[in-house]
Protein backbone atom coordinates (compact mmCIF):
# COMPACT_ATOMS: atom_id res chain seq x y z
CA MET A 1 38.03 99.25 33.47
CA HIS A 2 38.36 102.38 35.61
CA TYR A 3 39.51 102.40 39.20
CA LYS A 4 38.51 104.91 41.82
CA ILE A 5 41.23 106.79 43.72
CA ILE A 6 40.21 107.41 47.33
CA ARG A 7 42.40 109.99 49.06
CA SER A 8 42.28 110.24 52.84
CA ASP A 9 42.92 113.51 54.66
CA GLU A 10 46.15 112.00 56.02
CA TYR A 11 47.38 111.15 52.52
CA PHE A 12 46.36 114.58 51.22
CA LYS A 13 48.57 116.19 53.90
CA LYS A 14 51.47 113.97 52.85
CA LEU A 15 50.84 114.85 49.21
CA LYS A 16 50.85 118.61 49.90
CA LYS A 17 54.11 118.28 51.83
CA PHE A 18 55.61 116.16 49.04
CA ILE A 19 54.64 118.69 46.34
CA ARG A 20 56.03 121.60 48.38
CA LYS A 21 59.29 119.70 48.76
CA HIS A 22 59.40 118.41 45.15
CA PRO A 23 57.45 120.85 42.92
CA ASP A 24 59.21 119.43 39.87
CA ALA A 25 57.33 116.14 40.38
CA LEU A 26 53.80 117.61 40.26
CA GLU A 27 53.20 117.14 36.53
CA ARG A 28 54.50 113.57 36.60
CA TYR A 29 52.43 112.83 39.72
CA VAL A 30 49.23 113.97 37.96
CA LYS A 31 50.02 111.78 34.95
CA THR A 32 50.74 108.82 37.23
CA ILE A 33 47.40 109.18 39.05
CA GLU A 34 45.50 109.52 35.76
CA LEU A 35 47.14 106.37 34.41
CA LEU A 36 46.56 104.56 37.71
CA GLU A 37 42.83 105.25 37.40
CA LEU A 38 42.73 103.98 33.83
CA ASP A 39 45.08 101.00 34.05
CA PRO A 40 46.96 100.25 37.28
CA PHE A 41 48.73 97.41 35.47
CA HIS A 42 50.32 99.68 32.86
CA PRO A 43 54.03 98.75 32.66
CA SER A 44 55.27 102.32 33.20
CA LEU A 45 53.73 102.34 36.70
CA ARG A 46 55.80 99.32 37.75
CA LEU A 47 53.04 98.15 40.11
CA HIS A 48 54.33 95.57 42.57
CA LYS A 49 53.33 94.01 45.87
CA LEU A 50 55.43 95.05 48.84
CA GLN A 51 57.03 92.75 51.38
CA GLY A 52 57.84 92.87 55.08
CA LYS A 53 55.92 95.32 57.26
CA LEU A 54 54.20 96.77 54.16
CA ASN A 55 53.10 93.40 52.74
CA ASP A 56 49.43 94.46 52.69
CA TYR A 57 50.22 97.18 50.16
CA HIS A 58 51.45 97.76 46.63
CA SER A 59 53.69 100.41 45.16
CA VAL A 60 53.72 102.36 41.91
CA SER A 61 56.46 104.57 40.53
CA ILE A 62 56.03 108.24 39.74
CA ASN A 63 59.52 108.13 38.25
CA MET A 64 62.76 106.36 39.12
CA LYS A 65 63.09 108.41 42.32
CA TYR A 66 59.56 108.76 43.73
CA ARG A 67 56.97 106.16 44.75
CA ILE A 68 53.36 105.98 45.87
CA VAL A 69 52.42 103.25 48.33
CA ILE A 70 48.82 102.16 47.73
CA ASP A 71 46.20 99.85 49.13
CA PHE A 72 44.89 98.14 46.02
CA ILE A 73 41.39 96.65 46.42
CA PHE A 74 40.77 94.51 43.33
CA ASN A 75 37.14 93.51 44.00
CA GLU A 76 35.80 97.02 44.40
CA LYS A 77 38.16 98.65 41.90
CA GLU A 78 39.48 101.06 44.51
CA ILE A 79 42.96 102.42 44.99
CA ILE A 80 43.79 104.12 48.27
CA PRO A 81 47.08 106.04 48.33
CA ILE A 82 48.82 105.55 51.67
CA ASP A 83 52.18 107.32 51.34
CA ILE A 84 54.27 109.23 48.82
CA GLY A 85 57.96 110.07 48.67
CA THR A 86 61.37 108.78 47.71
CA HIS A 87 62.13 105.08 47.82
CA ASP A 88 63.83 105.42 51.23
CA GLU A 89 61.08 107.62 52.68
CA VAL A 90 58.17 105.28 51.95
CA TYR A 91 59.79 101.89 52.53
């Protein structure tokens, strides 16, 4: 069951800024996206629904420090990254 990652121009700008700021996270980011496409429910991603103002979205972990906020559309098997950064930056 593969999911499609749909990156908006706005997210791509955030991603480029994130990678410039945290080049050490690039390899782990790529692995996270690959796993997200294959199995968004894999335990290492720590997928969870957000609460409060972000309650329409989910989050996955790149590592213990960095997160990706996503819009997770189950029916159409689409994942739309919304934001990327540290825990405090994205929440």
